[in-house]
Structures are given as C-alpha cells and as structure tokens.
Amino acid sequence: LYQFPLIETSEDIVELSELEQEPLWKTLLPKGSYQLVSTSQPYQQMLTHQKIRARYLKIHLKDPVEIQLPEPYFFHPKSQLKQFAFPKIFDCYLEDNSLYLNL
C-alpha cells in the first residue's frame, strides 16, 4: 500500500503553526515553499487494535522543483493516482474530493 507523507501526533493539531514545528514537516516543506489551500474534514477508520483519525492538507507548492523529497517519498502526477493501492482512510479522502474522477 502507498500513502501520502503523514505526521502522527498524540493530539489533534488545530493550527498550521503547530504542524510546521514537526520535524518531518520541516524536512518535506521548507518554510515559504508552500501555501495552504484547504484542510479536510476529519476522517476516521477503526482497526482492530486502534482508531485512526486523519485530516488532509491541500497545499500549493510555490516551486516544486526546489523541494527534494527524502526516501521513500516521491512526486507523482495526480492523473495517475488510480495506479496505486491506498489504505481505506486515504481512499475515502480521494473519493470525497473527486480526485479519482476523470483520471
């Protein structure tokens, strides 16, 4: 299964400034390299051993060429998302946001 870069926290993050303090966020998105477009509604998935809560951030990269993603992350065209298997909670987000339509 594939997944978008994720940052796990013990509590819900309310402000973008809180997320910007996370080490992975700083590595993936240097300050000033992006603009927040939207934040998704909360999504939940119950597993046998835990409950997963997720929010998705849609960002606009100001200059994607300058961002170097560390392994195992990679950029991929939105038009080819159907080629990848995602966890259920990711599929729900993609379907709700019509990211699978007309691909």
N, C-alpha and C. Protein backbone atom coordinates (compact mmCIF):
# COMPACT_ATOMS: atom_id res chain seq x y z
N LEU A 1 0.83 -1.19 0.00
CA LEU A 1 0.00 0.00 0.00
C LEU A 1 0.87 1.25 0.00
N TYR A 2 0.36 2.29 -0.64
CA TYR A 2 1.04 3.57 -0.68
C TYR A 2 0.30 4.54 0.23
N GLN A 3 0.98 5.56 0.66
CA GLN A 3 0.33 6.59 1.45
C GLN A 3 1.05 7.92 1.21
N PHE A 4 0.31 8.98 1.49
CA PHE A 4 0.91 10.30 1.42
C PHE A 4 1.83 10.45 2.63
N PRO A 5 2.75 11.40 2.58
CA PRO A 5 3.55 11.63 3.79
C PRO A 5 2.61 11.93 4.95
N LEU A 6 2.87 11.34 6.10
CA LEU A 6 1.99 11.58 7.24
C LEU A 6 2.81 11.94 8.46
N ILE A 7 2.17 12.72 9.30
CA ILE A 7 2.77 13.12 10.57
C ILE A 7 1.82 12.66 11.66
N GLU A 8 2.30 11.75 12.50
CA GLU A 8 1.50 11.23 13.59
C GLU A 8 1.68 12.09 14.82
N THR A 9 0.55 12.43 15.45
CA THR A 9 0.58 13.20 16.70
C THR A 9 -0.33 12.52 17.71
N SER A 10 -0.10 12.78 18.98
CA SER A 10 -0.94 12.19 20.02
C SER A 10 -2.23 12.97 20.21
N GLU A 11 -2.26 14.22 19.77
CA GLU A 11 -3.45 15.06 19.89
C GLU A 11 -3.73 15.73 18.55
N ASP A 12 -4.99 16.14 18.36
CA ASP A 12 -5.34 16.84 17.13
C ASP A 12 -4.57 18.16 17.05
N ILE A 13 -4.10 18.45 15.86
CA ILE A 13 -3.43 19.73 15.62
C ILE A 13 -4.47 20.71 15.09
N VAL A 14 -4.56 21.85 15.73
CA VAL A 14 -5.59 22.83 15.38
C VAL A 14 -5.04 23.89 14.43
N GLU A 15 -3.85 24.35 14.68
CA GLU A 15 -3.26 25.42 13.89
C GLU A 15 -2.14 24.90 13.00
N LEU A 16 -2.02 25.46 11.81
CA LEU A 16 -0.94 25.10 10.90
C LEU A 16 0.42 25.34 11.55
N SER A 17 0.52 26.39 12.35
CA SER A 17 1.80 26.70 13.00
C SER A 17 2.27 25.56 13.90
N GLU A 18 1.33 24.80 14.48
CA GLU A 18 1.71 23.63 15.29
C GLU A 18 2.34 22.55 14.41
N LEU A 19 1.73 22.33 13.26
CA LEU A 19 2.22 21.31 12.33
C LEU A 19 3.58 21.71 11.77
N GLU A 20 3.77 22.99 11.54
CA GLU A 20 5.04 23.48 10.99
C GLU A 20 6.22 23.24 11.94
N GLN A 21 5.95 22.94 13.20
CA GLN A 21 7.01 22.65 14.17
C GLN A 21 7.47 21.20 14.13
N GLU A 22 6.70 20.33 13.46
CA GLU A 22 7.04 18.92 13.39
C GLU A 22 8.27 18.72 12.48
N PRO A 23 9.24 17.91 12.92
CA PRO A 23 10.47 17.71 12.13
C PRO A 23 10.22 17.23 10.69
N LEU A 24 9.30 16.28 10.49
CA LEU A 24 9.04 15.80 9.13
C LEU A 24 8.48 16.91 8.25
N TRP A 25 7.60 17.74 8.81
CA TRP A 25 7.04 18.86 8.04
C TRP A 25 8.17 19.78 7.58
N LYS A 26 9.08 20.09 8.50
CA LYS A 26 10.20 20.97 8.17
C LYS A 26 11.08 20.36 7.08
N THR A 27 11.24 19.04 7.11
CA THR A 27 12.06 18.36 6.10
C THR A 27 11.38 18.36 4.74
N LEU A 28 10.08 18.07 4.72
CA LEU A 28 9.35 17.97 3.45
C LEU A 28 9.03 19.33 2.85
N LEU A 29 8.70 20.28 3.70
CA LEU A 29 8.21 21.57 3.21
C LEU A 29 8.91 22.73 3.91
N PRO A 30 10.02 23.16 3.38
CA PRO A 30 10.71 24.30 3.99
C PRO A 30 9.79 25.52 4.04
N LYS A 31 9.93 26.29 5.09
CA LYS A 31 9.10 27.49 5.28
C LYS A 31 9.15 28.38 4.04
N GLY A 32 7.99 28.81 3.60
CA GLY A 32 7.91 29.68 2.43
C GLY A 32 7.81 28.94 1.11
N SER A 33 7.87 27.60 1.13
CA SER A 33 7.85 26.82 -0.12
C SER A 33 6.44 26.42 -0.53
N TYR A 34 5.44 26.77 0.27
CA TYR A 34 4.08 26.32 0.02
C TYR A 34 3.05 27.35 0.50
N GLN A 35 1.82 27.12 0.05
CA GLN A 35 0.69 27.91 0.52
C GLN A 35 -0.43 26.93 0.84
N LEU A 36 -1.02 27.03 2.02
CA LEU A 36 -2.13 26.17 2.41
C LEU A 36 -3.37 26.56 1.61
N VAL A 37 -3.96 25.57 0.93
CA VAL A 37 -5.17 25.80 0.13
C VAL A 37 -6.40 25.44 0.95
N SER A 38 -6.39 24.26 1.58
CA SER A 38 -7.54 23.83 2.39
C SER A 38 -7.13 22.73 3.36
N THR A 39 -7.97 22.54 4.36
CA THR A 39 -7.82 21.46 5.32
C THR A 39 -9.09 20.63 5.26
N SER A 40 -8.96 19.32 5.20
CA SER A 40 -10.12 18.45 5.07
C SER A 40 -10.90 18.33 6.37
N GLN A 41 -12.09 17.79 6.23
CA GLN A 41 -12.86 17.38 7.40
C GLN A 41 -12.09 16.23 8.06
N PRO A 42 -12.38 15.91 9.32
CA PRO A 42 -11.72 14.75 9.94
C PRO A 42 -12.26 13.45 9.34
N TYR A 43 -11.37 12.50 9.15
CA TYR A 43 -11.73 11.15 8.69
C TYR A 43 -11.34 10.17 9.79
N GLN A 44 -12.10 9.09 9.93
CA GLN A 44 -11.81 8.07 10.94
C GLN A 44 -11.86 6.69 10.32
N GLN A 45 -11.00 5.82 10.84
CA GLN A 45 -11.02 4.41 10.47
C GLN A 45 -10.76 3.60 11.72
N MET A 46 -11.64 2.64 11.97
CA MET A 46 -11.48 1.76 13.13
C MET A 46 -10.75 0.50 12.68
N LEU A 47 -9.65 0.22 13.34
CA LEU A 47 -8.93 -1.04 13.14
C LEU A 47 -9.16 -1.90 14.38
N THR A 48 -8.75 -3.12 14.33
CA THR A 48 -8.98 -3.99 15.49
C THR A 48 -8.20 -3.52 16.72
N HIS A 49 -7.07 -2.88 16.53
CA HIS A 49 -6.22 -2.50 17.65
C HIS A 49 -6.10 -1.00 17.88
N GLN A 50 -6.71 -0.18 17.00
CA GLN A 50 -6.62 1.27 17.19
C GLN A 50 -7.64 2.01 16.32
N LYS A 51 -7.84 3.27 16.69
CA LYS A 51 -8.69 4.15 15.89
C LYS A 51 -7.78 5.18 15.23
N ILE A 52 -7.89 5.32 13.94
CA ILE A 52 -7.08 6.29 13.19
C ILE A 52 -7.95 7.50 12.87
N ARG A 53 -7.44 8.67 13.19
CA ARG A 53 -8.09 9.93 12.82
C ARG A 53 -7.14 10.66 11.90
N ALA A 54 -7.68 11.24 10.85
CA ALA A 54 -6.81 11.92 9.88
C ALA A 54 -7.47 13.18 9.35
N ARG A 55 -6.64 14.13 9.04
CA ARG A 55 -7.01 15.33 8.28
C ARG A 55 -6.00 15.45 7.15
N TYR A 56 -6.45 15.94 6.04
CA TYR A 56 -5.58 16.09 4.88
C TYR A 56 -5.43 17.57 4.57
N LEU A 57 -4.22 17.97 4.30
CA LEU A 57 -3.95 19.36 3.93
C LEU A 57 -3.66 19.42 2.45
N LYS A 58 -4.36 20.29 1.77
CA LYS A 58 -4.09 20.53 0.36
C LYS A 58 -3.22 21.78 0.31
N ILE A 59 -2.06 21.63 -0.30
CA ILE A 59 -1.14 22.75 -0.38
C ILE A 59 -0.77 23.02 -1.83
N HIS A 60 -0.36 24.23 -2.09
CA HIS A 60 0.15 24.60 -3.40
C HIS A 60 1.65 24.84 -3.23
N LEU A 61 2.45 24.09 -3.97
CA LEU A 61 3.90 24.28 -3.92
C LEU A 61 4.27 25.46 -4.80
N LYS A 62 5.00 26.38 -4.23
CA LYS A 62 5.38 27.57 -4.99
C LYS A 62 6.38 27.23 -6.08
N ASP A 63 7.31 26.34 -5.80
CA ASP A 63 8.29 25.93 -6.80
C ASP A 63 8.68 24.49 -6.52
N PRO A 64 7.89 23.52 -7.03
CA PRO A 64 8.12 22.10 -6.70
C PRO A 64 9.52 21.59 -7.05
N VAL A 65 10.17 22.22 -8.00
CA VAL A 65 11.49 21.75 -8.41
C VAL A 65 12.49 21.89 -7.26
N GLU A 66 12.30 22.87 -6.40
CA GLU A 66 13.25 23.10 -5.32
C GLU A 66 13.08 22.16 -4.14
N ILE A 67 11.97 21.46 -4.06
CA ILE A 67 11.72 20.57 -2.93
C ILE A 67 12.28 19.19 -3.24
N GLN A 68 13.19 18.74 -2.39
CA GLN A 68 13.79 17.42 -2.53
C GLN A 68 13.16 16.50 -1.49
N LEU A 69 12.36 15.55 -1.95
CA LEU A 69 11.72 14.64 -1.03
C LEU A 69 12.67 13.53 -0.60
N PRO A 70 12.74 13.26 0.71
CA PRO A 70 13.59 12.16 1.18
C PRO A 70 12.94 10.82 0.84
N GLU A 71 13.75 9.77 0.76
CA GLU A 71 13.22 8.42 0.57
C GLU A 71 12.28 8.11 1.72
N PRO A 72 11.18 7.48 1.55
CA PRO A 72 10.66 6.81 0.37
C PRO A 72 9.64 7.65 -0.39
N TYR A 73 9.57 8.96 -0.14
CA TYR A 73 8.56 9.81 -0.77
C TYR A 73 8.95 10.17 -2.19
N PHE A 74 7.92 10.39 -3.03
CA PHE A 74 8.17 10.82 -4.41
C PHE A 74 6.96 11.57 -4.93
N PHE A 75 7.20 12.46 -5.87
CA PHE A 75 6.10 13.17 -6.54
C PHE A 75 5.53 12.27 -7.61
N HIS A 76 4.22 12.36 -7.78
CA HIS A 76 3.56 11.56 -8.81
C HIS A 76 2.38 12.37 -9.35
N PRO A 77 2.14 12.35 -10.65
CA PRO A 77 1.02 13.12 -11.21
C PRO A 77 -0.32 12.66 -10.64
N LYS A 78 -1.17 13.62 -10.30
CA LYS A 78 -2.50 13.32 -9.78
C LYS A 78 -3.28 12.42 -10.74
N SER A 79 -3.05 12.57 -12.02
CA SER A 79 -3.77 11.79 -13.03
C SER A 79 -3.47 10.30 -12.96
N GLN A 80 -2.43 9.92 -12.23
CA GLN A 80 -2.05 8.51 -12.16
C GLN A 80 -2.27 7.88 -10.78
N LEU A 81 -3.06 8.55 -9.92
CA LEU A 81 -3.31 8.02 -8.58
C LEU A 81 -3.97 6.66 -8.59
N LYS A 82 -4.79 6.39 -9.59
CA LYS A 82 -5.51 5.11 -9.64
C LYS A 82 -4.55 3.92 -9.76
N GLN A 83 -3.32 4.15 -10.13
CA GLN A 83 -2.36 3.06 -10.29
C GLN A 83 -1.85 2.54 -8.94
N PHE A 84 -2.16 3.24 -7.86
CA PHE A 84 -1.63 2.89 -6.55
C PHE A 84 -2.73 2.39 -5.62
N ALA A 85 -2.37 1.45 -4.76
CA ALA A 85 -3.28 0.98 -3.73
C ALA A 85 -3.05 1.80 -2.47
N PHE A 86 -4.12 2.39 -1.94
CA PHE A 86 -4.04 3.21 -0.73
C PHE A 86 -4.84 2.58 0.39
N PRO A 87 -4.49 2.88 1.64
CA PRO A 87 -5.32 2.44 2.76
C PRO A 87 -6.73 3.02 2.64
N LYS A 88 -7.68 2.39 3.27
CA LYS A 88 -9.10 2.79 3.17
C LYS A 88 -9.30 4.27 3.52
N ILE A 89 -8.67 4.74 4.57
CA ILE A 89 -8.87 6.12 5.00
C ILE A 89 -8.38 7.12 3.94
N PHE A 90 -7.37 6.73 3.17
CA PHE A 90 -6.89 7.57 2.07
C PHE A 90 -7.87 7.53 0.91
N ASP A 91 -8.36 6.33 0.60
CA ASP A 91 -9.34 6.19 -0.49
C ASP A 91 -10.58 7.04 -0.22
N CYS A 92 -11.05 7.06 1.02
CA CYS A 92 -12.23 7.87 1.36
C CYS A 92 -11.98 9.34 1.06
N TYR A 93 -10.81 9.83 1.44
CA TYR A 93 -10.48 11.22 1.15
C TYR A 93 -10.41 11.47 -0.36
N LEU A 94 -9.75 10.59 -1.08
CA LEU A 94 -9.61 10.77 -2.53
C LEU A 94 -10.97 10.74 -3.22
N GLU A 95 -11.83 9.83 -2.82
CA GLU A 95 -13.16 9.74 -3.42
C GLU A 95 -14.01 10.96 -3.08
N ASP A 96 -13.98 11.39 -1.81
CA ASP A 96 -14.77 12.56 -1.38
C ASP A 96 -14.35 13.82 -2.12
N ASN A 97 -13.12 13.88 -2.52
CA ASN A 97 -12.61 15.09 -3.18
C ASN A 97 -12.48 14.94 -4.67
N SER A 98 -13.14 13.91 -5.21
CA SER A 98 -13.19 13.67 -6.65
C SER A 98 -11.82 13.56 -7.28
N LEU A 99 -10.86 13.12 -6.55
CA LEU A 99 -9.51 13.01 -7.11
C LEU A 99 -9.34 11.76 -7.95
N TYR A 100 -10.33 10.86 -7.90
CA TYR A 100 -10.28 9.67 -8.74
C TYR A 100 -11.09 9.87 -10.01
N LEU A 101 -11.94 10.87 -10.08
CA LEU A 101 -12.80 11.05 -11.25
C LEU A 101 -12.01 11.54 -12.46
N ASN A 102 -12.40 11.06 -13.59
CA ASN A 102 -11.82 11.50 -14.87
C ASN A 102 -10.31 11.34 -14.93
N LEU A 103 -9.79 10.33 -14.31
CA LEU A 103 -8.33 10.12 -14.36
C LEU A 103 -7.98 9.09 -15.40
